[in-house]
Amino acid sequence: MGRACRRPATPFAIPYPNIEALLDDGGDISLGPLASFPCVAAASTADNALVMLIRRDDESLMALLRRLERGIGKALAEPGLTIDEVNS
């Protein structure tokens, strides 16, 4: 740890700008099993959980990442907002 995820400069549009901004700012995302859920996508800053999404039946990984991207955007735009499908 201790090294932020940095991406090289690219000449094309970034498909997930909110995920990129979060990672560039020292945030974290994770994908995988959590408790009784087979797949959860989570995003957090160093201080706060922002988004925790449960992968839906038949949901593709790309669709889950798009939902994570949108959720991060909402949470960053509205301080104090947490989108939590795991504990709700």
N, C-alpha and C. Protein backbone atom coordinates (compact mmCIF):
# COMPACT_ATOMS: atom_id res chain seq x y z
N MET A 1 0.83 -1.17 0.00
CA MET A 1 0.00 0.00 0.00
C MET A 1 0.88 1.24 0.00
N GLY A 2 0.24 2.40 0.10
CA GLY A 2 0.99 3.63 0.12
C GLY A 2 1.19 4.25 -1.25
N ARG A 3 0.92 3.52 -2.29
CA ARG A 3 1.07 4.05 -3.64
C ARG A 3 -0.31 4.15 -4.27
N ALA A 4 -0.67 5.32 -4.70
CA ALA A 4 -1.98 5.52 -5.32
C ALA A 4 -2.01 4.88 -6.69
N CYS A 5 -3.18 4.46 -7.10
CA CYS A 5 -3.35 3.92 -8.46
C CYS A 5 -3.27 5.10 -9.41
N ARG A 6 -2.29 5.11 -10.24
CA ARG A 6 -2.15 6.19 -11.22
C ARG A 6 -2.22 5.59 -12.60
N ARG A 7 -2.95 6.26 -13.45
CA ARG A 7 -3.10 5.78 -14.82
C ARG A 7 -2.21 6.62 -15.73
N PRO A 8 -1.70 6.02 -16.76
CA PRO A 8 -0.93 6.82 -17.73
C PRO A 8 -1.88 7.72 -18.52
N ALA A 9 -1.35 8.80 -19.03
CA ALA A 9 -2.16 9.69 -19.87
C ALA A 9 -2.60 8.94 -21.11
N THR A 10 -3.86 9.12 -21.48
CA THR A 10 -4.39 8.44 -22.66
C THR A 10 -5.05 9.46 -23.57
N PRO A 11 -5.02 9.21 -24.86
CA PRO A 11 -5.62 10.16 -25.80
C PRO A 11 -7.13 9.96 -26.00
N PHE A 12 -7.72 9.01 -25.30
CA PHE A 12 -9.14 8.73 -25.49
C PHE A 12 -9.91 9.02 -24.21
N ALA A 13 -11.21 9.11 -24.31
CA ALA A 13 -12.05 9.43 -23.17
C ALA A 13 -12.02 8.30 -22.14
N ILE A 14 -12.06 8.67 -20.88
CA ILE A 14 -12.08 7.69 -19.80
C ILE A 14 -13.53 7.28 -19.58
N PRO A 15 -13.85 5.98 -19.66
CA PRO A 15 -15.24 5.57 -19.55
C PRO A 15 -15.81 5.68 -18.13
N TYR A 16 -14.95 5.79 -17.13
CA TYR A 16 -15.40 5.85 -15.74
C TYR A 16 -14.71 7.01 -15.01
N PRO A 17 -15.08 8.25 -15.35
CA PRO A 17 -14.36 9.40 -14.77
C PRO A 17 -14.51 9.52 -13.26
N ASN A 18 -15.65 9.12 -12.69
CA ASN A 18 -15.82 9.22 -11.24
C ASN A 18 -14.95 8.20 -10.51
N ILE A 19 -14.86 6.98 -11.06
CA ILE A 19 -13.98 5.97 -10.48
C ILE A 19 -12.53 6.45 -10.57
N GLU A 20 -12.14 6.98 -11.73
CA GLU A 20 -10.78 7.49 -11.91
C GLU A 20 -10.48 8.61 -10.91
N ALA A 21 -11.40 9.54 -10.74
CA ALA A 21 -11.19 10.66 -9.82
C ALA A 21 -11.06 10.16 -8.38
N LEU A 22 -11.88 9.21 -8.01
CA LEU A 22 -11.82 8.65 -6.66
C LEU A 22 -10.47 7.98 -6.41
N LEU A 23 -10.02 7.16 -7.35
CA LEU A 23 -8.74 6.47 -7.21
C LEU A 23 -7.57 7.47 -7.20
N ASP A 24 -7.65 8.47 -8.08
CA ASP A 24 -6.59 9.48 -8.14
C ASP A 24 -6.48 10.27 -6.83
N ASP A 25 -7.60 10.35 -6.11
CA ASP A 25 -7.63 11.10 -4.85
C ASP A 25 -7.34 10.21 -3.65
N GLY A 26 -6.90 8.97 -3.90
CA GLY A 26 -6.55 8.07 -2.80
C GLY A 26 -7.68 7.20 -2.31
N GLY A 27 -8.82 7.22 -3.02
CA GLY A 27 -9.95 6.37 -2.65
C GLY A 27 -9.72 4.93 -3.07
N ASP A 28 -10.73 4.11 -2.85
CA ASP A 28 -10.61 2.67 -3.07
C ASP A 28 -11.91 2.13 -3.65
N ILE A 29 -11.77 1.16 -4.53
CA ILE A 29 -12.93 0.38 -4.95
C ILE A 29 -12.59 -1.09 -4.76
N SER A 30 -13.61 -1.90 -4.53
CA SER A 30 -13.39 -3.33 -4.43
C SER A 30 -14.60 -4.06 -5.00
N LEU A 31 -14.33 -5.26 -5.51
CA LEU A 31 -15.36 -6.13 -6.06
C LEU A 31 -15.13 -7.52 -5.50
N GLY A 32 -16.19 -8.15 -5.03
CA GLY A 32 -16.03 -9.51 -4.54
C GLY A 32 -17.09 -9.86 -3.52
N PRO A 33 -16.98 -11.05 -2.95
CA PRO A 33 -17.99 -11.50 -1.98
C PRO A 33 -17.88 -10.70 -0.67
N LEU A 34 -19.02 -10.53 -0.05
CA LEU A 34 -19.08 -9.86 1.25
C LEU A 34 -20.23 -10.46 2.04
N ALA A 35 -19.91 -10.98 3.19
CA ALA A 35 -20.91 -11.63 4.04
C ALA A 35 -21.65 -12.69 3.22
N SER A 36 -22.96 -12.61 3.16
CA SER A 36 -23.74 -13.63 2.44
C SER A 36 -23.98 -13.26 0.97
N PHE A 37 -23.37 -12.18 0.51
CA PHE A 37 -23.57 -11.74 -0.87
C PHE A 37 -22.42 -12.25 -1.74
N PRO A 38 -22.74 -12.89 -2.87
CA PRO A 38 -21.67 -13.42 -3.72
C PRO A 38 -20.84 -12.37 -4.41
N CYS A 39 -21.40 -11.17 -4.65
CA CYS A 39 -20.62 -10.12 -5.30
C CYS A 39 -21.14 -8.75 -4.90
N VAL A 40 -20.24 -7.95 -4.37
CA VAL A 40 -20.54 -6.58 -3.97
C VAL A 40 -19.50 -5.67 -4.61
N ALA A 41 -19.93 -4.52 -5.10
CA ALA A 41 -19.03 -3.48 -5.57
C ALA A 41 -19.08 -2.35 -4.55
N ALA A 42 -17.90 -1.96 -4.04
CA ALA A 42 -17.86 -0.94 -3.01
C ALA A 42 -16.85 0.14 -3.38
N ALA A 43 -17.14 1.35 -2.96
CA ALA A 43 -16.24 2.48 -3.18
C ALA A 43 -16.17 3.29 -1.90
N SER A 44 -14.96 3.75 -1.57
CA SER A 44 -14.80 4.54 -0.36
C SER A 44 -13.66 5.54 -0.51
N THR A 45 -13.74 6.59 0.29
CA THR A 45 -12.62 7.50 0.45
C THR A 45 -11.81 6.99 1.64
N ALA A 46 -10.77 7.70 2.01
CA ALA A 46 -10.00 7.31 3.19
C ALA A 46 -10.84 7.38 4.46
N ASP A 47 -11.88 8.20 4.44
CA ASP A 47 -12.68 8.44 5.64
C ASP A 47 -14.08 7.85 5.63
N ASN A 48 -14.66 7.63 4.44
CA ASN A 48 -16.08 7.27 4.36
C ASN A 48 -16.37 6.23 3.30
N ALA A 49 -17.31 5.37 3.60
CA ALA A 49 -17.88 4.50 2.57
C ALA A 49 -18.83 5.36 1.74
N LEU A 50 -18.70 5.27 0.43
CA LEU A 50 -19.57 6.05 -0.45
C LEU A 50 -20.67 5.19 -1.04
N VAL A 51 -20.30 4.02 -1.58
CA VAL A 51 -21.24 3.19 -2.33
C VAL A 51 -20.97 1.72 -2.02
N MET A 52 -22.04 0.96 -1.78
CA MET A 52 -21.96 -0.50 -1.67
C MET A 52 -23.15 -1.08 -2.42
N LEU A 53 -22.86 -1.74 -3.53
CA LEU A 53 -23.90 -2.27 -4.41
C LEU A 53 -23.84 -3.78 -4.45
N ILE A 54 -24.99 -4.42 -4.40
CA ILE A 54 -25.07 -5.87 -4.55
C ILE A 54 -25.29 -6.17 -6.03
N ARG A 55 -24.48 -7.06 -6.57
CA ARG A 55 -24.64 -7.45 -7.97
C ARG A 55 -25.96 -8.19 -8.14
N ARG A 56 -26.74 -7.75 -9.08
CA ARG A 56 -28.06 -8.32 -9.33
C ARG A 56 -27.95 -9.62 -10.11
N ASP A 57 -28.96 -10.46 -9.98
CA ASP A 57 -29.00 -11.70 -10.77
C ASP A 57 -28.90 -11.33 -12.25
N ASP A 58 -28.06 -12.02 -12.96
CA ASP A 58 -27.86 -11.82 -14.40
C ASP A 58 -27.30 -10.44 -14.76
N GLU A 59 -26.78 -9.69 -13.80
CA GLU A 59 -26.16 -8.39 -14.10
C GLU A 59 -24.73 -8.62 -14.56
N SER A 60 -24.37 -8.03 -15.68
CA SER A 60 -22.99 -8.16 -16.17
C SER A 60 -22.05 -7.34 -15.30
N LEU A 61 -20.79 -7.68 -15.36
CA LEU A 61 -19.79 -6.90 -14.63
C LEU A 61 -19.76 -5.46 -15.12
N MET A 62 -19.88 -5.26 -16.42
CA MET A 62 -19.88 -3.90 -16.97
C MET A 62 -21.07 -3.10 -16.45
N ALA A 63 -22.24 -3.73 -16.34
CA ALA A 63 -23.41 -3.03 -15.81
C ALA A 63 -23.21 -2.67 -14.34
N LEU A 64 -22.61 -3.56 -13.57
CA LEU A 64 -22.32 -3.27 -12.17
C LEU A 64 -21.33 -2.10 -12.06
N LEU A 65 -20.31 -2.09 -12.90
CA LEU A 65 -19.35 -0.98 -12.89
C LEU A 65 -20.00 0.33 -13.29
N ARG A 66 -20.94 0.29 -14.23
CA ARG A 66 -21.66 1.52 -14.61
C ARG A 66 -22.48 2.03 -13.44
N ARG A 67 -23.13 1.12 -12.70
CA ARG A 67 -23.90 1.54 -11.52
C ARG A 67 -22.97 2.11 -10.45
N LEU A 68 -21.80 1.48 -10.27
CA LEU A 68 -20.82 1.99 -9.32
C LEU A 68 -20.37 3.39 -9.72
N GLU A 69 -20.07 3.58 -10.99
CA GLU A 69 -19.67 4.88 -11.52
C GLU A 69 -20.72 5.95 -11.22
N ARG A 70 -21.99 5.64 -11.50
CA ARG A 70 -23.07 6.61 -11.24
C ARG A 70 -23.21 6.88 -9.74
N GLY A 71 -23.12 5.82 -8.94
CA GLY A 71 -23.25 5.98 -7.49
C GLY A 71 -22.15 6.85 -6.91
N ILE A 72 -20.92 6.64 -7.38
CA ILE A 72 -19.80 7.48 -6.91
C ILE A 72 -20.05 8.93 -7.28
N GLY A 73 -20.51 9.16 -8.50
CA GLY A 73 -20.81 10.53 -8.93
C GLY A 73 -21.84 11.19 -8.03
N LYS A 74 -22.91 10.47 -7.68
CA LYS A 74 -23.93 11.02 -6.80
C LYS A 74 -23.38 11.29 -5.41
N ALA A 75 -22.62 10.35 -4.88
CA ALA A 75 -22.08 10.49 -3.53
C ALA A 75 -21.08 11.64 -3.44
N LEU A 76 -20.27 11.82 -4.47
CA LEU A 76 -19.30 12.92 -4.46
C LEU A 76 -19.98 14.27 -4.63
N ALA A 77 -21.10 14.29 -5.36
CA ALA A 77 -21.82 15.55 -5.59
C ALA A 77 -22.62 15.99 -4.37
N GLU A 78 -22.97 15.02 -3.52
CA GLU A 78 -23.79 15.34 -2.33
C GLU A 78 -23.07 14.84 -1.08
N PRO A 79 -22.24 15.67 -0.47
CA PRO A 79 -21.49 15.25 0.71
C PRO A 79 -22.41 14.67 1.79
N GLY A 80 -21.97 13.57 2.37
CA GLY A 80 -22.75 12.90 3.39
C GLY A 80 -23.65 11.80 2.86
N LEU A 81 -23.84 11.76 1.54
CA LEU A 81 -24.67 10.71 0.95
C LEU A 81 -23.90 9.41 0.88
N THR A 82 -24.53 8.32 1.34
CA THR A 82 -23.98 6.98 1.19
C THR A 82 -25.04 6.14 0.50
N ILE A 83 -24.64 5.43 -0.54
CA ILE A 83 -25.54 4.53 -1.26
C ILE A 83 -25.18 3.12 -0.80
N ASP A 84 -26.07 2.50 -0.03
CA ASP A 84 -25.76 1.24 0.63
C ASP A 84 -26.87 0.22 0.42
N GLU A 85 -26.65 -0.71 -0.49
CA GLU A 85 -27.60 -1.79 -0.71
C GLU A 85 -27.35 -2.97 0.21
N VAL A 86 -26.20 -3.01 0.85
CA VAL A 86 -25.82 -4.14 1.70
C VAL A 86 -26.49 -4.07 3.07
N ASN A 87 -26.49 -2.90 3.67
CA ASN A 87 -27.00 -2.75 5.03
C ASN A 87 -28.37 -2.08 5.11
N SER A 88 -29.04 -1.99 3.97
CA SER A 88 -30.36 -1.33 4.01
C SER A 88 -31.49 -2.32 3.94
